[in-house]
Every structure is written in C-alpha cells, then in structure tokens.
C-alpha atoms as a PDB file:
ATOM      1  CA  UNK A   1      -8.225 -55.234   8.597  1.00  0.00           C
ATOM      2  CA  UNK A   2      -5.131 -54.675  10.604  1.00  0.00           C
ATOM      3  CA  UNK A   3      -3.006 -54.420   7.336  1.00  0.00           C
ATOM      4  CA  UNK A   4      -5.541 -51.777   5.996  1.00  0.00           C
ATOM      5  CA  UNK A   5      -5.210 -49.731   9.275  1.00  0.00           C
ATOM      6  CA  UNK A   6      -1.345 -49.938   9.054  1.00  0.00           C
ATOM      7  CA  UNK A   7      -1.450 -48.691   5.441  1.00  0.00           C
ATOM      8  CA  UNK A   8      -3.767 -45.846   6.367  1.00  0.00           C
ATOM      9  CA  UNK A   9      -1.395 -44.890   9.274  1.00  0.00           C
ATOM     10  CA  UNK A  10       1.567 -44.985   6.903  1.00  0.00           C
ATOM     11  CA  UNK A  11      -0.166 -42.718   4.372  1.00  0.00           C
ATOM     12  CA  UNK A  12      -1.149 -40.237   7.040  1.00  0.00           C
ATOM     13  CA  UNK A  13       2.383 -40.178   8.407  1.00  0.00           C
ATOM     14  CA  UNK A  14       3.815 -39.677   4.867  1.00  0.00           C
ATOM     15  CA  UNK A  15       1.344 -36.815   4.255  1.00  0.00           C
ATOM     16  CA  UNK A  16       2.343 -35.129   7.577  1.00  0.00           C
ATOM     17  CA  UNK A  17       6.039 -35.433   6.708  1.00  0.00           C
ATOM     18  CA  UNK A  18       5.353 -33.920   3.225  1.00  0.00           C
ATOM     19  CA  UNK A  19       3.501 -31.067   4.715  1.00  0.00           C
ATOM     20  CA  UNK A  20       6.303 -30.342   7.219  1.00  0.00           C
ATOM     21  CA  UNK A  21       8.793 -30.379   4.294  1.00  0.00           C
ATOM     22  CA  UNK A  22       6.747 -27.723   2.420  1.00  0.00           C
ATOM     23  CA  UNK A  23       8.369 -24.403   1.535  1.00  0.00           C
ATOM     24  CA  UNK A  24       6.011 -21.725   0.323  1.00  0.00           C
ATOM     25  CA  UNK A  25       6.841 -18.466  -1.424  1.00  0.00           C
ATOM     26  CA  UNK A  26       3.929 -16.108  -1.723  1.00  0.00           C
ATOM     27  CA  UNK A  27       3.949 -13.392  -4.407  1.00  0.00           C
ATOM     28  CA  UNK A  28       1.054 -11.333  -3.071  1.00  0.00           C
ATOM     29  CA  UNK A  29       0.244  -9.832   0.403  1.00  0.00           C
ATOM     30  CA  UNK A  30      -3.262 -11.288   0.340  1.00  0.00           C
ATOM     31  CA  UNK A  31      -2.116 -14.702  -0.509  1.00  0.00           C
ATOM     32  CA  UNK A  32       0.398 -14.601   2.377  1.00  0.00           C
ATOM     33  CA  UNK A  33      -2.419 -13.703   4.661  1.00  0.00           C
ATOM     34  CA  UNK A  34      -4.670 -16.430   3.182  1.00  0.00           C
ATOM     35  CA  UNK A  35      -1.922 -18.977   3.700  1.00  0.00           C
ATOM     36  CA  UNK A  36      -1.884 -18.100   7.351  1.00  0.00           C
ATOM     37  CA  UNK A  37      -5.670 -18.345   7.619  1.00  0.00           C
ATOM     38  CA  UNK A  38      -5.429 -21.837   5.959  1.00  0.00           C
ATOM     39  CA  UNK A  39      -3.002 -22.951   8.635  1.00  0.00           C
ATOM     40  CA  UNK A  40       0.114 -22.921   6.522  1.00  0.00           C
ATOM     41  CA  UNK A  41       1.663 -19.646   7.689  1.00  0.00           C
ATOM     42  CA  UNK A  42       4.619 -21.368   9.267  1.00  0.00           C
ATOM     43  CA  UNK A  43       5.691 -22.807   5.909  1.00  0.00           C
ATOM     44  CA  UNK A  44       5.863 -19.589   4.059  1.00  0.00           C
ATOM     45  CA  UNK A  45       9.626 -18.908   3.596  1.00  0.00           C
ATOM     46  CA  UNK A  46       9.352 -15.850   1.362  1.00  0.00           C
ATOM     47  CA  UNK A  47       6.979 -13.158   0.412  1.00  0.00           C
ATOM     48  CA  UNK A  48       6.705  -9.675  -1.086  1.00  0.00           C
ATOM     49  CA  UNK A  49       6.483  -6.151   0.309  1.00  0.00           C
ATOM     50  CA  UNK A  50       3.418  -5.035   2.173  1.00  0.00           C
ATOM     51  CA  UNK A  51       2.737  -8.609   3.531  1.00  0.00           C
ATOM     52  CA  UNK A  52       1.909  -7.244   7.024  1.00  0.00           C
ATOM     53  CA  UNK A  53      -0.860  -9.390   8.257  1.00  0.00           C
ATOM     54  CA  UNK A  54      -0.772 -11.273  10.469  1.00  0.00           C
ATOM     55  CA  UNK A  55       2.095  -9.965  12.741  1.00  0.00           C
ATOM     56  CA  UNK A  56       4.199 -12.995  11.908  1.00  0.00           C
ATOM     57  CA  UNK A  57       4.109 -12.241   8.178  1.00  0.00           C
ATOM     58  CA  UNK A  58       6.293  -9.102   8.858  1.00  0.00           C
ATOM     59  CA  UNK A  59       9.173 -11.362   9.695  1.00  0.00           C
ATOM     60  CA  UNK A  60       9.206 -13.314   6.545  1.00  0.00           C
ATOM     61  CA  UNK A  61      12.044 -12.552   4.159  1.00  0.00           C
ATOM     62  CA  UNK A  62      11.101 -10.461   1.125  1.00  0.00           C
ATOM     63  CA  UNK A  63      11.721 -11.566  -2.446  1.00  0.00           C
ATOM     64  CA  UNK A  64      10.517  -8.363  -4.129  1.00  0.00           C
ATOM     65  CA  UNK A  65       7.276  -6.486  -4.564  1.00  0.00           C
ATOM     66  CA  UNK A  66       4.122  -6.570  -6.650  1.00  0.00           C
ATOM     67  CA  UNK A  67       5.897  -5.579  -9.918  1.00  0.00           C
ATOM     68  CA  UNK A  68       9.329  -7.215  -9.594  1.00  0.00           C
ATOM     69  CA  UNK A  69      10.786 -10.157  -7.760  1.00  0.00           C
ATOM     70  CA  UNK A  70      14.293 -11.568  -7.316  1.00  0.00           C
ATOM     71  CA  UNK A  71      14.202 -14.795  -9.251  1.00  0.00           C
ATOM     72  CA  UNK A  72      17.563 -15.884  -7.878  1.00  0.00           C
ATOM     73  CA  UNK A  73      16.552 -15.312  -4.239  1.00  0.00           C
ATOM     74  CA  UNK A  74      13.357 -17.413  -4.816  1.00  0.00           C
ATOM     75  CA  UNK A  75      15.374 -20.220  -6.301  1.00  0.00           C
ATOM     76  CA  UNK A  76      17.712 -20.111  -3.363  1.00  0.00           C
ATOM     77  CA  UNK A  77      14.766 -20.599  -0.941  1.00  0.00           C
ATOM     78  CA  UNK A  78      13.996 -23.892  -2.740  1.00  0.00           C
ATOM     79  CA  UNK A  79      10.202 -23.537  -2.564  1.00  0.00           C
ATOM     80  CA  UNK A  80       7.989 -26.553  -3.119  1.00  0.00           C
ATOM     81  CA  UNK A  81       5.077 -24.262  -3.896  1.00  0.00           C
ATOM     82  CA  UNK A  82       4.829 -20.728  -5.259  1.00  0.00           C
ATOM     83  CA  UNK A  83       1.551 -18.730  -4.789  1.00  0.00           C
ATOM     84  CA  UNK A  84       0.791 -16.333  -7.552  1.00  0.00           C
ATOM     85  CA  UNK A  85      -2.059 -13.737  -7.866  1.00  0.00           C
ATOM     86  CA  UNK A  86      -3.777 -14.152 -11.246  1.00  0.00           C
ATOM     87  CA  UNK A  87      -4.573 -10.490 -11.633  1.00  0.00           C
ATOM     88  CA  UNK A  88      -1.590  -8.992  -9.801  1.00  0.00           C
ATOM     89  CA  UNK A  89       1.554 -11.143 -10.347  1.00  0.00           C
ATOM     90  CA  UNK A  90       3.112 -10.079 -13.643  1.00  0.00           C
ATOM     91  CA  UNK A  91       2.531 -12.834 -16.296  1.00  0.00           C
ATOM     92  CA  UNK A  92       6.252 -12.907 -17.278  1.00  0.00           C
ATOM     93  CA  UNK A  93       7.226 -13.615 -13.730  1.00  0.00           C
ATOM     94  CA  UNK A  94       4.852 -16.524 -13.482  1.00  0.00           C
ATOM     95  CA  UNK A  95       6.006 -17.981 -16.873  1.00  0.00           C
ATOM     96  CA  UNK A  96       9.649 -17.589 -15.825  1.00  0.00           C
ATOM     97  CA  UNK A  97       9.254 -19.364 -12.513  1.00  0.00           C
ATOM     98  CA  UNK A  98       7.358 -22.209 -14.277  1.00  0.00           C
ATOM     99  CA  UNK A  99      10.002 -22.479 -16.886  1.00  0.00           C
ATOM    100  CA  UNK A 100      12.555 -22.897 -14.136  1.00  0.00           C
ATOM    101  CA  UNK A 101      10.659 -26.012 -12.906  1.00  0.00           C
ATOM    102  CA  UNK A 102       8.858 -24.425  -9.893  1.00  0.00           C
ATOM    103  CA  UNK A 103       5.460 -25.454  -8.770  1.00  0.00           C
ATOM    104  CA  UNK A 104       3.463 -22.182  -9.287  1.00  0.00           C
ATOM    105  CA  UNK A 105      -0.211 -22.134  -8.415  1.00  0.00           C
ATOM    106  CA  UNK A 106      -2.369 -19.150  -9.498  1.00  0.00           C
ATOM    107  CA  UNK A 107      -5.270 -17.770  -7.431  1.00  0.00           C
ATOM    108  CA  UNK A 108      -7.837 -15.304  -8.520  1.00  0.00           C
ATOM    109  CA  UNK A 109      -9.281 -13.144  -5.684  1.00  0.00           C
ATOM    110  CA  UNK A 110     -11.448 -10.577  -7.538  1.00  0.00           C
ATOM    111  CA  UNK A 111     -14.722 -11.269  -5.696  1.00  0.00           C
ATOM    112  CA  UNK A 112     -15.809 -11.815  -2.037  1.00  0.00           C
ATOM    113  CA  UNK A 113     -16.635 -15.469  -2.793  1.00  0.00           C
ATOM    114  CA  UNK A 114     -13.162 -16.109  -3.954  1.00  0.00           C
ATOM    115  CA  UNK A 115     -11.818 -15.642  -0.449  1.00  0.00           C
ATOM    116  CA  UNK A 116     -13.244 -18.849   1.161  1.00  0.00           C
ATOM    117  CA  UNK A 117     -12.606 -20.700  -2.011  1.00  0.00           C
ATOM    118  CA  UNK A 118      -8.984 -19.973  -2.083  1.00  0.00           C
ATOM    119  CA  UNK A 119      -8.607 -20.744   1.651  1.00  0.00           C
ATOM    120  CA  UNK A 120      -9.995 -24.198   1.116  1.00  0.00           C
ATOM    121  CA  UNK A 121      -7.763 -24.718  -1.989  1.00  0.00           C
ATOM    122  CA  UNK A 122      -4.712 -23.664   0.063  1.00  0.00           C
ATOM    123  CA  UNK A 123      -5.906 -26.075   2.800  1.00  0.00           C
ATOM    124  CA  UNK A 124      -5.868 -28.870   0.264  1.00  0.00           C
ATOM    125  CA  UNK A 125      -2.569 -28.045  -1.104  1.00  0.00           C
ATOM    126  CA  UNK A 126      -0.990 -27.795   2.366  1.00  0.00           C
ATOM    127  CA  UNK A 127      -2.890 -30.621   3.959  1.00  0.00           C
ATOM    128  CA  UNK A 128      -4.500 -28.288   6.567  1.00  0.00           C
ATOM    129  CA  UNK A 129      -8.091 -28.842   5.412  1.00  0.00           C
ATOM    130  CA  UNK A 130      -9.643 -28.753   8.889  1.00  0.00           C
ATOM    131  CA  UNK A 131      -8.075 -25.304   9.791  1.00  0.00           C
ATOM    132  CA  UNK A 132      -8.827 -23.879   6.320  1.00  0.00           C
ATOM    133  CA  UNK A 133     -12.428 -25.122   6.243  1.00  0.00           C
ATOM    134  CA  UNK A 134     -13.095 -23.672   9.637  1.00  0.00           C
ATOM    135  CA  UNK A 135     -11.597 -20.226   8.615  1.00  0.00           C
ATOM    136  CA  UNK A 136     -13.562 -20.338   5.348  1.00  0.00           C
ATOM    137  CA  UNK A 137     -16.821 -21.172   7.089  1.00  0.00           C
ATOM    138  CA  UNK A 138     -16.436 -18.485   9.696  1.00  0.00           C
ATOM    139  CA  UNK A 139     -15.761 -16.004   6.868  1.00  0.00           C
ATOM    140  CA  UNK A 140     -18.915 -17.127   5.026  1.00  0.00           C
ATOM    141  CA  UNK A 141     -21.023 -16.897   8.102  1.00  0.00           C
ATOM    142  CA  UNK A 142     -19.743 -13.410   8.940  1.00  0.00           C
ATOM    143  CA  UNK A 143     -20.529 -12.095   5.470  1.00  0.00           C
ATOM    144  CA  UNK A 144     -23.917 -13.734   5.409  1.00  0.00           C
ATOM    145  CA  UNK A 145     -24.872 -12.139   8.704  1.00  0.00           C
ATOM    146  CA  UNK A 146     -23.932  -8.661   7.380  1.00  0.00           C
ATOM    147  CA  UNK A 147     -25.797  -9.247   4.276  1.00  0.00           C
ATOM    148  CA  UNK A 148     -28.866 -10.323   6.076  1.00  0.00           C
ATOM    149  CA  UNK A 149     -28.704  -7.211   8.374  1.00  0.00           C
ATOM    150  CA  UNK A 150     -27.943  -4.527   5.824  1.00  0.00           C
ATOM    151  CA  UNK A 151     -28.575  -5.491   2.261  1.00  0.00           C
ATOM    152  CA  UNK A 152     -32.334  -4.515   2.291  1.00  0.00           C
ATOM    153  CA  UNK A 153     -31.662  -1.050   3.812  1.00  0.00           C
ATOM    154  CA  UNK A 154     -32.682   1.967   1.826  1.00  0.00           C
ATOM    155  CA  UNK A 155     -30.339   2.282  -1.090  1.00  0.00           C
ATOM    156  CA  UNK A 156     -27.700   5.072  -0.898  1.00  0.00           C
ATOM    157  CA  UNK A 157     -25.428   6.353  -3.620  1.00  0.00           C
ATOM    158  CA  UNK A 158     -21.698   5.958  -2.749  1.00  0.00           C
ATOM    159  CA  UNK A 159     -18.601   7.391  -4.341  1.00  0.00           C
ATOM    160  CA  UNK A 160     -15.515   5.283  -3.657  1.00  0.00           C
ATOM    161  CA  UNK A 161     -12.406   7.435  -3.880  1.00  0.00           C
ATOM    162  CA  UNK A 162      -9.116   5.544  -3.972  1.00  0.00           C
ATOM    163  CA  UNK A 163      -6.937   8.429  -5.018  1.00  0.00           C
ATOM    164  CA  UNK A 164      -7.315  12.188  -4.893  1.00  0.00           C
ATOM    165  CA  UNK A 165      -5.073  13.764  -7.505  1.00  0.00           C
ATOM    166  CA  UNK A 166      -5.562  12.355 -10.044  1.00  0.00           C
ATOM    167  CA  UNK A 167      -8.961  11.221  -8.970  1.00  0.00           C
ATOM    168  CA  UNK A 168      -9.699   7.450  -9.179  1.00  0.00           C
ATOM    169  CA  UNK A 169     -12.540   5.195  -8.355  1.00  0.00           C
ATOM    170  CA  UNK A 170     -13.542   1.554  -8.964  1.00  0.00           C
ATOM    171  CA  UNK A 171     -16.253  -0.044 -10.958  1.00  0.00           C
ATOM    172  CA  UNK A 172     -18.699  -2.917  -9.951  1.00  0.00           C
ATOM    173  CA  UNK A 173     -16.117  -5.548 -10.449  1.00  0.00           C
ATOM    174  CA  UNK A 174     -13.963  -4.655  -7.479  1.00  0.00           C
ATOM    175  CA  UNK A 175     -14.446  -6.049  -4.025  1.00  0.00           C
ATOM    176  CA  UNK A 176     -14.963  -2.643  -2.516  1.00  0.00           C
ATOM    177  CA  UNK A 177     -17.955  -2.071  -4.718  1.00  0.00           C
ATOM    178  CA  UNK A 178     -19.352  -5.439  -3.782  1.00  0.00           C
ATOM    179  CA  UNK A 179     -19.103  -4.556  -0.112  1.00  0.00           C
ATOM    180  CA  UNK A 180     -21.115  -1.387  -0.770  1.00  0.00           C
ATOM    181  CA  UNK A 181     -23.799  -3.466  -2.305  1.00  0.00           C
ATOM    182  CA  UNK A 182     -23.763  -5.924   0.597  1.00  0.00           C
ATOM    183  CA  UNK A 183     -24.316  -2.920   2.876  1.00  0.00           C
ATOM    184  CA  UNK A 184     -27.380  -1.716   0.977  1.00  0.00           C
ATOM    185  CA  UNK A 185     -25.687   1.004  -1.004  1.00  0.00           C
ATOM    186  CA  UNK A 186     -24.800   1.439  -4.738  1.00  0.00           C
ATOM    187  CA  UNK A 187     -21.597   2.527  -6.342  1.00  0.00           C
ATOM    188  CA  UNK A 188     -22.350   5.469  -8.393  1.00  0.00           C
ATOM    189  CA  UNK A 189     -19.600   4.556 -10.858  1.00  0.00           C
ATOM    190  CA  UNK A 190     -20.435   0.855 -11.007  1.00  0.00           C
ATOM    191  CA  UNK A 191     -21.249   1.063 -14.758  1.00  0.00           C
ATOM    192  CA  UNK A 192     -17.743   2.045 -15.921  1.00  0.00           C
ATOM    193  CA  UNK A 193     -15.807  -0.424 -17.933  1.00  0.00           C
ATOM    194  CA  UNK A 194     -12.337  -0.009 -16.342  1.00  0.00           C
ATOM    195  CA  UNK A 195     -11.692  -1.711 -13.016  1.00  0.00           C
ATOM    196  CA  UNK A 196     -10.156   1.441 -11.580  1.00  0.00           C
ATOM    197  CA  UNK A 197     -10.916   4.511 -13.835  1.00  0.00           C
ATOM    198  CA  UNK A 198      -9.562   7.968 -13.582  1.00  0.00           C
ATOM    199  CA  UNK A 199     -12.386  10.398 -13.417  1.00  0.00           C
ATOM    200  CA  UNK A 200     -13.011  14.092 -13.080  1.00  0.00           C
ATOM    201  CA  UNK A 201     -14.456  15.986 -10.114  1.00  0.00           C
ATOM    202  CA  UNK A 202     -17.142  17.298 -12.549  1.00  0.00           C
ATOM    203  CA  UNK A 203     -18.223  13.772 -13.206  1.00  0.00           C
ATOM    204  CA  UNK A 204     -18.639  13.055  -9.492  1.00  0.00           C
ATOM    205  CA  UNK A 205     -20.642  16.256  -9.115  1.00  0.00           C
ATOM    206  CA  UNK A 206     -22.890  15.177 -11.934  1.00  0.00           C
ATOM    207  CA  UNK A 207     -23.666  11.818 -10.302  1.00  0.00           C
ATOM    208  CA  UNK A 208     -24.336  13.517  -7.003  1.00  0.00           C
ATOM    209  CA  UNK A 209     -23.416  10.845  -4.488  1.00  0.00           C
ATOM    210  CA  UNK A 210     -24.964  10.854  -1.046  1.00  0.00           C
ATOM    211  CA  UNK A 211     -21.754   9.524   0.525  1.00  0.00           C
ATOM    212  CA  UNK A 212     -18.063   9.775  -0.199  1.00  0.00           C
ATOM    213  CA  UNK A 213     -15.862   7.021   1.084  1.00  0.00           C
ATOM    214  CA  UNK A 214     -12.125   7.875   0.819  1.00  0.00           C
ATOM    215  CA  UNK A 215      -9.588   5.175   1.476  1.00  0.00           C
ATOM    216  CA  UNK A 216      -6.344   6.027   3.242  1.00  0.00           C
ATOM    217  CA  UNK A 217      -4.477   5.654  -0.090  1.00  0.00           C
ATOM    218  CA  UNK A 218      -5.641   9.198  -0.930  1.00  0.00           C
ATOM    219  CA  UNK A 219      -2.677  11.401  -1.300  1.00  0.00           C
ATOM    220  CA  UNK A 220      -4.140  14.578   0.215  1.00  0.00           C
ATOM    221  CA  UNK A 221      -6.972  15.428   2.534  1.00  0.00           C
ATOM    222  CA  UNK A 222      -9.867  14.419   0.326  1.00  0.00           C
ATOM    223  CA  UNK A 223     -12.411  16.177   2.649  1.00  0.00           C
ATOM    224  CA  UNK A 224     -10.816  19.507   2.233  1.00  0.00           C
ATOM    225  CA  UNK A 225     -11.088  19.135  -1.539  1.00  0.00           C
ATOM    226  CA  UNK A 226     -14.761  18.099  -1.426  1.00  0.00           C
ATOM    227  CA  UNK A 227     -15.945  20.898   0.881  1.00  0.00           C
ATOM    228  CA  UNK A 228     -15.367  23.224  -2.020  1.00  0.00           C
ATOM    229  CA  UNK A 229     -18.464  21.483  -3.672  1.00  0.00           C
ATOM    230  CA  UNK A 230     -21.455  22.070  -1.174  1.00  0.00           C
ATOM    231  CA  UNK A 231     -23.824  21.350  -3.987  1.00  0.00           C
ATOM    232  CA  UNK A 232     -22.957  17.602  -3.779  1.00  0.00           C
ATOM    233  CA  UNK A 233     -25.350  15.769  -1.360  1.00  0.00           C
ATOM    234  CA  UNK A 234     -22.589  13.970   0.377  1.00  0.00           C
ATOM    235  CA  UNK A 235     -20.873  17.346   1.222  1.00  0.00           C
ATOM    236  CA  UNK A 236     -24.180  18.970   2.250  1.00  0.00           C
ATOM    237  CA  UNK A 237     -25.055  16.243   4.533  1.00  0.00           C
ATOM    238  CA  UNK A 238     -21.549  15.756   6.098  1.00  0.00           C
ATOM    239  CA  UNK A 239     -21.344  12.316   4.641  1.00  0.00           C
ATOM    240  CA  UNK A 240     -17.445  12.185   4.040  1.00  0.00           C
ATOM    241  CA  UNK A 241     -15.724   9.274   5.555  1.00  0.00           C
ATOM    242  CA  UNK A 242     -12.328   7.712   5.575  1.00  0.00           C
ATOM    243  CA  UNK A 243     -11.809   3.935   5.994  1.00  0.00           C
ATOM    244  CA  UNK A 244      -8.558   1.793   5.896  1.00  0.00           C
ATOM    245  CA  UNK A 245      -7.914   0.675   2.322  1.00  0.00           C
ATOM    246  CA  UNK A 246      -6.639  -2.752   3.092  1.00  0.00           C
ATOM    247  CA  UNK A 247      -9.732  -3.600   5.037  1.00  0.00           C
ATOM    248  CA  UNK A 248     -11.853  -2.817   2.006  1.00  0.00           C
ATOM    249  CA  UNK A 249      -9.729  -3.924  -0.813  1.00  0.00           C
ATOM    250  CA  UNK A 250      -7.439  -6.750   0.202  1.00  0.00           C
ATOM    251  CA  UNK A 251      -9.201 -10.089  -0.382  1.00  0.00           C
ATOM    252  CA  UNK A 252      -8.459 -11.925   2.877  1.00  0.00           C
ATOM    253  CA  UNK A 253     -10.496 -13.347   5.743  1.00  0.00           C
ATOM    254  CA  UNK A 254     -10.375  -9.851   7.403  1.00  0.00           C
ATOM    255  CA  UNK A 255     -12.891  -8.490   4.829  1.00  0.00           C
ATOM    256  CA  UNK A 256     -15.900  -8.957   7.304  1.00  0.00           C
ATOM    257  CA  UNK A 257     -14.085  -6.511   9.499  1.00  0.00           C
ATOM    258  CA  UNK A 258     -13.918  -3.839   6.733  1.00  0.00           C
ATOM    259  CA  UNK A 259     -17.473  -4.649   5.530  1.00  0.00           C
ATOM    260  CA  UNK A 260     -18.860  -4.131   9.010  1.00  0.00           C
ATOM    261  CA  UNK A 261     -17.109  -0.807   9.322  1.00  0.00           C
ATOM    262  CA  UNK A 262     -18.514   0.270   5.962  1.00  0.00           C
ATOM    263  CA  UNK A 263     -22.037  -0.880   6.777  1.00  0.00           C
ATOM    264  CA  UNK A 264     -21.989   1.088   9.937  1.00  0.00           C
ATOM    265  CA  UNK A 265     -20.779   4.189   8.111  1.00  0.00           C
ATOM    266  CA  UNK A 266     -23.577   3.910   5.535  1.00  0.00           C
ATOM    267  CA  UNK A 267     -26.204   3.555   8.434  1.00  0.00           C
ATOM    268  CA  UNK A 268     -24.812   6.828   9.921  1.00  0.00           C
ATOM    269  CA  UNK A 269     -24.972   8.487   6.465  1.00  0.00           C
ATOM    270  CA  UNK A 270     -28.571   7.437   5.968  1.00  0.00           C
ATOM    271  CA  UNK A 271     -29.533   9.189   9.177  1.00  0.00           C
ATOM    272  CA  UNK A 272     -27.714  12.409   8.044  1.00  0.00           C
ATOM    273  CA  UNK A 273     -29.171  12.742   4.486  1.00  0.00           C
ATOM    274  CA  UNK A 274     -30.796  16.068   3.938  1.00  0.00           C
END
C-alpha cells in the first residue's frame, strides 16, 4: 500500500513538472482566451494579433495574425503545444508546423457547444482539469439559464449585419445566429448556403426583418443607411441596435455576456414592434 501511494505521488509530481514545462503558442484569439479559461494562460508564450482577452493576453508576444505567422519566431519559442483553429488557421500553416515536428492540436469552435468542449480538452492537455471543468460548467449553466428564459418568447425576425459596404450577414451555421435562436428570434438569412454571404439592401428589404443588429465591425453608420428605408419594419419600429462583435462572434467563455445583451435587445424590440 505504501509503495502504491509513493508511486502515485511520483506520478502526480511528474505531471505537475511536465505542466510547468509546457510552452504554448496559440494561433487564434479565441483559443488564447480559452487557454486562460482552462487555467493555462500563464503557459502561453506566443499568440496572434487581436488576442486581447483577458488583460494578460495583451502582453503575450505576437507571432503573426490570422492569415500569416512567423514560423521562425514560433520555432524560437520552443513550444511544446501549438493551438490551431480548424476553420481559421490556414491549412498550409498547420501542415508546415507539423512537418517541422511541432505538436499542433486543432480545435473547431463553430457552435456554442464547442466552447465548453474545447475548454475541457485544453484542461486535459494542460493538466488543469479542475479549473477547466469549472469554467465549462459555469458556461453551460449560464447558457442554459438564458435558453430557459428567452427561447420560448414570441419569435422575431432579425437581420444580422456584420459589414455595411459591401453588405454582409451570416447564415444559421454561425454562432451569432445560434444566439439569436437562443433568444427566441430567427435569423432572416439563416437559409443561405454561405457562412458569411454578401447580400443586397434590396434582399434585406424583401425579407423585412423586425430587428437589425449591427456589429461594431460595420464600416460606416449602419443606422443612417437604414433610415433611408422606412418601409422595413425594423426601421419603422426603431429597432436598430449595435452590439460588440467579439461578444457575439468570438467562441469563448464570454459568450453568455454577449447572449444576455442580445436577448435583452430582442426583448426591447418586441415591445416596440408596430
């Protein structure tokens, strides 16, 4: 029995030492944030531009951006783990890093449910399971509470505007659209095939949304543009709103914050509909 306990203590100590020696490079802002949520933020030695949450992430050295990274700089950091975003990190970058012998792990974060899953996976990889599981559980509980409160509210048609000129929206396979559904609304362009299609003002007018949600990525004042079209129900009712893009689109444990703001906006909009 004493030998077994000694062996267990040795394994725990070895794992703790291995965790302390980890050096992580994250190739996506959301993965950087999820690493912090999982309890491994202190081990991230390199990341990409726009990794701005939490505050400590701003101080991490940059190795590039979403489109191009400095391979030599990554190698110089001697990472033991590289975090890649399946739908965001360029495939040639992932293949090149693997060919150089680096331990690259890919993570898909396309849906709300992916967030707690990835946090737990990172917890396993970094041996911070307790912290990661706690963060994932709190996320799931927060989202479940919002779903219970808002998902059965009267449906309301929402146009999600992610850029003004040219005009872009998202289809049902984007997290932002999933949040609209959680809040009891429906994305009026959910049926389109492209993830982020370019559309015309005329197509929006034809679908006559009751609400326009513009993210802060829009290039010009979207509301000034829409007020030219009073025949649209959203304009007629004054249901034109702007919300922070990262709170609605970045797959991190802060999504409940963005979802709550969106649900509250849709509640306001329901009361205004004419």
